[in-house]
């Protein structure tokens, strides 16, 4: 694997050598997200480590430098289109009629709509279940991470809700795309 872009991760987990999804007791959420939150800026990860430390009533927070592999596929939630290969994979899962009419635009809105229609059929509430279903759809088409994952949907328009202190934030969905992980600070 070839090294790619560097991000930072803030947590209360010490001595990390690799990431695992769904581990309880370290982040700020009671129910873990099926991904790892990354920040472009170290300051954002430090802030997150302090926040997790306070929520978990832990003595320390830790900041890790995370280098992703160059082949990591990141889809930006605020961009209209998907990378070509992921769009082709998404399109191939649709009916023939939908494939003909489908255009590579408004991808995050479309994933949200798909996720919520499945949940309505199952009579589940579309809150964290919806988020997890969107993550499942991303995994199904080969998306390794979502850039700017905190968004508000206004019709088909996607507005970022990311804090500027993080720079570009990424929700890493495929932990196998981590090229290197090392501790760079304790807060």
C-alpha atoms as a PDB file:
ATOM      1  CA  UNK A   1       0.000   0.000   0.000  1.00  0.00           C
ATOM      2  CA  UNK A   2       1.213   3.506  -0.833  1.00  0.00           C
ATOM      3  CA  UNK A   3       0.744   6.317   1.708  1.00  0.00           C
ATOM      4  CA  UNK A   4      -1.873   8.940   0.978  1.00  0.00           C
ATOM      5  CA  UNK A   5      -3.404  11.815   2.929  1.00  0.00           C
ATOM      6  CA  UNK A   6      -2.766  12.380   6.645  1.00  0.00           C
ATOM      7  CA  UNK A   7      -5.569  12.948   9.165  1.00  0.00           C
ATOM      8  CA  UNK A   8      -5.859  12.970  12.956  1.00  0.00           C
ATOM      9  CA  UNK A   9      -8.087  11.076  15.374  1.00  0.00           C
ATOM     10  CA  UNK A  10      -8.940  12.091  18.965  1.00  0.00           C
ATOM     11  CA  UNK A  11     -10.052   9.446  21.470  1.00  0.00           C
ATOM     12  CA  UNK A  12      -9.692   8.086  25.001  1.00  0.00           C
ATOM     13  CA  UNK A  13      -8.285   4.809  23.636  1.00  0.00           C
ATOM     14  CA  UNK A  14      -4.620   4.457  24.448  1.00  0.00           C
ATOM     15  CA  UNK A  15      -2.003   2.311  22.729  1.00  0.00           C
ATOM     16  CA  UNK A  16      -3.917   2.002  19.474  1.00  0.00           C
ATOM     17  CA  UNK A  17      -2.118  -0.004  16.814  1.00  0.00           C
ATOM     18  CA  UNK A  18      -5.163  -0.450  14.569  1.00  0.00           C
ATOM     19  CA  UNK A  19      -8.799   0.590  14.426  1.00  0.00           C
ATOM     20  CA  UNK A  20     -11.805  -1.613  15.073  1.00  0.00           C
ATOM     21  CA  UNK A  21     -15.361  -0.542  14.319  1.00  0.00           C
ATOM     22  CA  UNK A  22     -18.153  -0.611  16.896  1.00  0.00           C
ATOM     23  CA  UNK A  23     -16.008  -0.510  20.043  1.00  0.00           C
ATOM     24  CA  UNK A  24     -17.984   0.936  22.954  1.00  0.00           C
ATOM     25  CA  UNK A  25     -16.617   3.080  25.761  1.00  0.00           C
ATOM     26  CA  UNK A  26     -14.082   5.317  24.018  1.00  0.00           C
ATOM     27  CA  UNK A  27     -15.785   7.954  21.865  1.00  0.00           C
ATOM     28  CA  UNK A  28     -18.472  10.422  22.735  1.00  0.00           C
ATOM     29  CA  UNK A  29     -21.416   8.323  21.541  1.00  0.00           C
ATOM     30  CA  UNK A  30     -23.096   5.636  23.626  1.00  0.00           C
ATOM     31  CA  UNK A  31     -23.736   3.655  20.440  1.00  0.00           C
ATOM     32  CA  UNK A  32     -20.608   3.713  18.265  1.00  0.00           C
ATOM     33  CA  UNK A  33     -20.801   4.821  14.661  1.00  0.00           C
ATOM     34  CA  UNK A  34     -19.744   2.200  12.101  1.00  0.00           C
ATOM     35  CA  UNK A  35     -16.752   4.336  11.207  1.00  0.00           C
ATOM     36  CA  UNK A  36     -13.771   6.249  12.574  1.00  0.00           C
ATOM     37  CA  UNK A  37     -13.961  10.042  12.740  1.00  0.00           C
ATOM     38  CA  UNK A  38     -10.900  11.781  11.328  1.00  0.00           C
ATOM     39  CA  UNK A  39      -9.911  15.444  11.248  1.00  0.00           C
ATOM     40  CA  UNK A  40      -7.672  17.165   8.724  1.00  0.00           C
ATOM     41  CA  UNK A  41      -6.330  19.374  11.527  1.00  0.00           C
ATOM     42  CA  UNK A  42      -4.588  18.154  14.647  1.00  0.00           C
ATOM     43  CA  UNK A  43      -6.310  20.895  16.702  1.00  0.00           C
ATOM     44  CA  UNK A  44      -9.708  19.423  15.808  1.00  0.00           C
ATOM     45  CA  UNK A  45      -8.610  15.948  16.934  1.00  0.00           C
ATOM     46  CA  UNK A  46      -7.204  17.398  20.179  1.00  0.00           C
ATOM     47  CA  UNK A  47     -10.526  19.107  20.848  1.00  0.00           C
ATOM     48  CA  UNK A  48     -12.329  15.830  20.176  1.00  0.00           C
ATOM     49  CA  UNK A  49      -9.971  13.922  22.496  1.00  0.00           C
ATOM     50  CA  UNK A  50     -10.706  16.420  25.299  1.00  0.00           C
ATOM     51  CA  UNK A  51     -14.435  16.130  24.638  1.00  0.00           C
ATOM     52  CA  UNK A  52     -14.297  12.307  24.733  1.00  0.00           C
ATOM     53  CA  UNK A  53     -12.131  12.469  27.871  1.00  0.00           C
ATOM     54  CA  UNK A  54     -14.711  14.668  29.609  1.00  0.00           C
ATOM     55  CA  UNK A  55     -17.675  12.538  28.523  1.00  0.00           C
ATOM     56  CA  UNK A  56     -15.937   9.311  29.540  1.00  0.00           C
ATOM     57  CA  UNK A  57     -14.526  10.896  32.729  1.00  0.00           C
ATOM     58  CA  UNK A  58     -11.121   9.612  31.720  1.00  0.00           C
ATOM     59  CA  UNK A  59      -7.741  10.943  32.829  1.00  0.00           C
ATOM     60  CA  UNK A  60      -6.357  11.343  29.325  1.00  0.00           C
ATOM     61  CA  UNK A  61      -7.308  11.855  25.748  1.00  0.00           C
ATOM     62  CA  UNK A  62      -5.045  10.746  22.930  1.00  0.00           C
ATOM     63  CA  UNK A  63      -4.390  12.119  19.462  1.00  0.00           C
ATOM     64  CA  UNK A  64      -3.266   9.814  16.675  1.00  0.00           C
ATOM     65  CA  UNK A  65      -1.868  10.618  13.269  1.00  0.00           C
ATOM     66  CA  UNK A  66      -3.620   8.485  10.661  1.00  0.00           C
ATOM     67  CA  UNK A  67      -2.195   8.094   7.166  1.00  0.00           C
ATOM     68  CA  UNK A  68      -4.628   6.565   4.706  1.00  0.00           C
ATOM     69  CA  UNK A  69      -3.564   4.527   1.721  1.00  0.00           C
ATOM     70  CA  UNK A  70      -3.420   6.406  -1.566  1.00  0.00           C
ATOM     71  CA  UNK A  71      -6.078   4.088  -3.029  1.00  0.00           C
ATOM     72  CA  UNK A  72      -8.665   5.053  -0.390  1.00  0.00           C
ATOM     73  CA  UNK A  73     -11.973   6.039  -2.032  1.00  0.00           C
ATOM     74  CA  UNK A  74     -13.445   9.071  -0.279  1.00  0.00           C
ATOM     75  CA  UNK A  75     -16.832  10.397  -1.420  1.00  0.00           C
ATOM     76  CA  UNK A  76     -17.572  13.980  -0.380  1.00  0.00           C
ATOM     77  CA  UNK A  77     -21.114  14.313   0.990  1.00  0.00           C
ATOM     78  CA  UNK A  78     -21.425  17.917  -0.187  1.00  0.00           C
ATOM     79  CA  UNK A  79     -20.319  17.145  -3.754  1.00  0.00           C
ATOM     80  CA  UNK A  80     -23.091  16.178  -6.126  1.00  0.00           C
ATOM     81  CA  UNK A  81     -21.497  13.204  -7.859  1.00  0.00           C
ATOM     82  CA  UNK A  82     -19.844   9.973  -6.788  1.00  0.00           C
ATOM     83  CA  UNK A  83     -16.477   8.752  -8.074  1.00  0.00           C
ATOM     84  CA  UNK A  84     -17.083   6.907 -11.375  1.00  0.00           C
ATOM     85  CA  UNK A  85     -16.482   3.352 -10.123  1.00  0.00           C
ATOM     86  CA  UNK A  86     -18.758   3.840  -7.099  1.00  0.00           C
ATOM     87  CA  UNK A  87     -21.482   5.369  -9.269  1.00  0.00           C
ATOM     88  CA  UNK A  88     -21.278   2.389 -11.635  1.00  0.00           C
ATOM     89  CA  UNK A  89     -21.540  -0.007  -8.663  1.00  0.00           C
ATOM     90  CA  UNK A  90     -24.533   1.910  -7.258  1.00  0.00           C
ATOM     91  CA  UNK A  91     -26.241   2.051 -10.647  1.00  0.00           C
ATOM     92  CA  UNK A  92     -25.726  -1.681 -11.229  1.00  0.00           C
ATOM     93  CA  UNK A  93     -27.849  -2.443  -8.147  1.00  0.00           C
ATOM     94  CA  UNK A  94     -30.881  -0.637  -9.563  1.00  0.00           C
ATOM     95  CA  UNK A  95     -33.630  -1.941 -11.842  1.00  0.00           C
ATOM     96  CA  UNK A  96     -33.146  -1.606 -15.606  1.00  0.00           C
ATOM     97  CA  UNK A  97     -35.590   1.310 -15.805  1.00  0.00           C
ATOM     98  CA  UNK A  98     -33.908   3.164 -12.945  1.00  0.00           C
ATOM     99  CA  UNK A  99     -30.475   2.554 -14.507  1.00  0.00           C
ATOM    100  CA  UNK A 100     -31.625   4.279 -17.693  1.00  0.00           C
ATOM    101  CA  UNK A 101     -32.980   7.306 -15.825  1.00  0.00           C
ATOM    102  CA  UNK A 102     -30.326   7.534 -13.092  1.00  0.00           C
ATOM    103  CA  UNK A 103     -27.749  10.318 -13.280  1.00  0.00           C
ATOM    104  CA  UNK A 104     -24.627  10.735 -11.182  1.00  0.00           C
ATOM    105  CA  UNK A 105     -25.910  13.636  -9.137  1.00  0.00           C
ATOM    106  CA  UNK A 106     -27.219  14.277  -5.616  1.00  0.00           C
ATOM    107  CA  UNK A 107     -25.595  11.069  -4.359  1.00  0.00           C
ATOM    108  CA  UNK A 108     -25.887  11.735  -0.615  1.00  0.00           C
ATOM    109  CA  UNK A 109     -29.525  12.798  -0.956  1.00  0.00           C
ATOM    110  CA  UNK A 110     -30.191   9.603  -2.957  1.00  0.00           C
ATOM    111  CA  UNK A 111     -28.467   7.403  -0.351  1.00  0.00           C
ATOM    112  CA  UNK A 112     -30.458   9.100   2.426  1.00  0.00           C
ATOM    113  CA  UNK A 113     -33.682   8.556   0.472  1.00  0.00           C
ATOM    114  CA  UNK A 114     -32.794   4.892  -0.181  1.00  0.00           C
ATOM    115  CA  UNK A 115     -31.893   4.346   3.487  1.00  0.00           C
ATOM    116  CA  UNK A 116     -35.075   5.899   4.792  1.00  0.00           C
ATOM    117  CA  UNK A 117     -37.344   4.046   2.358  1.00  0.00           C
ATOM    118  CA  UNK A 118     -35.875   0.735   3.566  1.00  0.00           C
ATOM    119  CA  UNK A 119     -36.345   1.786   7.186  1.00  0.00           C
ATOM    120  CA  UNK A 120     -39.964   2.828   6.641  1.00  0.00           C
ATOM    121  CA  UNK A 121     -40.650  -0.626   5.228  1.00  0.00           C
ATOM    122  CA  UNK A 122     -39.153  -2.138   8.386  1.00  0.00           C
ATOM    123  CA  UNK A 123     -40.984   0.343  10.666  1.00  0.00           C
ATOM    124  CA  UNK A 124     -37.738   1.626  12.179  1.00  0.00           C
ATOM    125  CA  UNK A 125     -37.101   5.244  13.079  1.00  0.00           C
ATOM    126  CA  UNK A 126     -34.657   6.940  10.691  1.00  0.00           C
ATOM    127  CA  UNK A 127     -32.149   8.459  13.138  1.00  0.00           C
ATOM    128  CA  UNK A 128     -28.972   6.512  13.879  1.00  0.00           C
ATOM    129  CA  UNK A 129     -30.553   3.623  11.947  1.00  0.00           C
ATOM    130  CA  UNK A 130     -30.639   5.860   8.882  1.00  0.00           C
ATOM    131  CA  UNK A 131     -26.995   6.857   9.358  1.00  0.00           C
ATOM    132  CA  UNK A 132     -25.962   3.212   9.679  1.00  0.00           C
ATOM    133  CA  UNK A 133     -27.960   2.293   6.561  1.00  0.00           C
ATOM    134  CA  UNK A 134     -26.222   5.074   4.588  1.00  0.00           C
ATOM    135  CA  UNK A 135     -22.900   3.635   5.778  1.00  0.00           C
ATOM    136  CA  UNK A 136     -24.037   0.178   4.600  1.00  0.00           C
ATOM    137  CA  UNK A 137     -24.908   1.601   1.168  1.00  0.00           C
ATOM    138  CA  UNK A 138     -21.469   3.245   0.970  1.00  0.00           C
ATOM    139  CA  UNK A 139     -19.785  -0.048   1.886  1.00  0.00           C
ATOM    140  CA  UNK A 140     -21.842  -1.856  -0.774  1.00  0.00           C
ATOM    141  CA  UNK A 141     -20.470   0.335  -3.567  1.00  0.00           C
ATOM    142  CA  UNK A 142     -16.848   0.506  -2.403  1.00  0.00           C
ATOM    143  CA  UNK A 143     -16.745   3.870  -0.650  1.00  0.00           C
ATOM    144  CA  UNK A 144     -14.029   3.712   2.021  1.00  0.00           C
ATOM    145  CA  UNK A 145     -14.886   7.009   3.687  1.00  0.00           C
ATOM    146  CA  UNK A 146     -17.226   9.983   3.601  1.00  0.00           C
ATOM    147  CA  UNK A 147     -15.697  13.466   3.565  1.00  0.00           C
ATOM    148  CA  UNK A 148     -17.741  16.149   5.306  1.00  0.00           C
ATOM    149  CA  UNK A 149     -20.180  13.581   6.717  1.00  0.00           C
ATOM    150  CA  UNK A 150     -22.098  15.944   9.002  1.00  0.00           C
ATOM    151  CA  UNK A 151     -24.725  17.484   6.748  1.00  0.00           C
ATOM    152  CA  UNK A 152     -28.226  18.901   6.598  1.00  0.00           C
ATOM    153  CA  UNK A 153     -30.430  17.984   3.671  1.00  0.00           C
ATOM    154  CA  UNK A 154     -32.525  20.781   2.204  1.00  0.00           C
ATOM    155  CA  UNK A 155     -34.396  18.975  -0.521  1.00  0.00           C
ATOM    156  CA  UNK A 156     -31.674  17.639  -2.815  1.00  0.00           C
ATOM    157  CA  UNK A 157     -29.202  20.249  -1.578  1.00  0.00           C
ATOM    158  CA  UNK A 158     -26.625  19.063   0.941  1.00  0.00           C
ATOM    159  CA  UNK A 159     -25.227  21.624   3.387  1.00  0.00           C
ATOM    160  CA  UNK A 160     -22.158  20.897   5.469  1.00  0.00           C
ATOM    161  CA  UNK A 161     -22.511  21.081   9.266  1.00  0.00           C
ATOM    162  CA  UNK A 162     -18.832  20.387   9.911  1.00  0.00           C
ATOM    163  CA  UNK A 163     -17.013  22.578  12.398  1.00  0.00           C
ATOM    164  CA  UNK A 164     -14.189  24.581  10.807  1.00  0.00           C
ATOM    165  CA  UNK A 165     -11.719  23.485  13.511  1.00  0.00           C
ATOM    166  CA  UNK A 166     -11.626  20.028  11.899  1.00  0.00           C
ATOM    167  CA  UNK A 167     -10.842  21.216   8.392  1.00  0.00           C
ATOM    168  CA  UNK A 168     -12.016  18.406   6.186  1.00  0.00           C
ATOM    169  CA  UNK A 169     -13.490  15.715   8.365  1.00  0.00           C
ATOM    170  CA  UNK A 170     -13.767  12.130   7.200  1.00  0.00           C
ATOM    171  CA  UNK A 171     -15.822   9.252   8.494  1.00  0.00           C
ATOM    172  CA  UNK A 172     -13.548   6.318   7.644  1.00  0.00           C
ATOM    173  CA  UNK A 173     -15.650   3.231   6.907  1.00  0.00           C
ATOM    174  CA  UNK A 174     -12.931   0.807   5.829  1.00  0.00           C
ATOM    175  CA  UNK A 175     -10.231   0.477   8.506  1.00  0.00           C
ATOM    176  CA  UNK A 176      -8.169  -1.678   6.138  1.00  0.00           C
ATOM    177  CA  UNK A 177      -7.304   1.531   4.272  1.00  0.00           C
ATOM    178  CA  UNK A 178      -5.150   2.816   7.168  1.00  0.00           C
ATOM    179  CA  UNK A 179      -1.543   2.907   6.009  1.00  0.00           C
ATOM    180  CA  UNK A 180      -0.126   3.958   9.391  1.00  0.00           C
ATOM    181  CA  UNK A 181      -1.359   4.927  12.850  1.00  0.00           C
ATOM    182  CA  UNK A 182       0.808   6.559  15.513  1.00  0.00           C
ATOM    183  CA  UNK A 183       0.307   8.449  18.757  1.00  0.00           C
ATOM    184  CA  UNK A 184       1.236  12.124  18.415  1.00  0.00           C
ATOM    185  CA  UNK A 185      -0.157  13.657  21.611  1.00  0.00           C
ATOM    186  CA  UNK A 186      -1.839  13.271  24.979  1.00  0.00           C
ATOM    187  CA  UNK A 187      -4.343  15.822  26.309  1.00  0.00           C
END
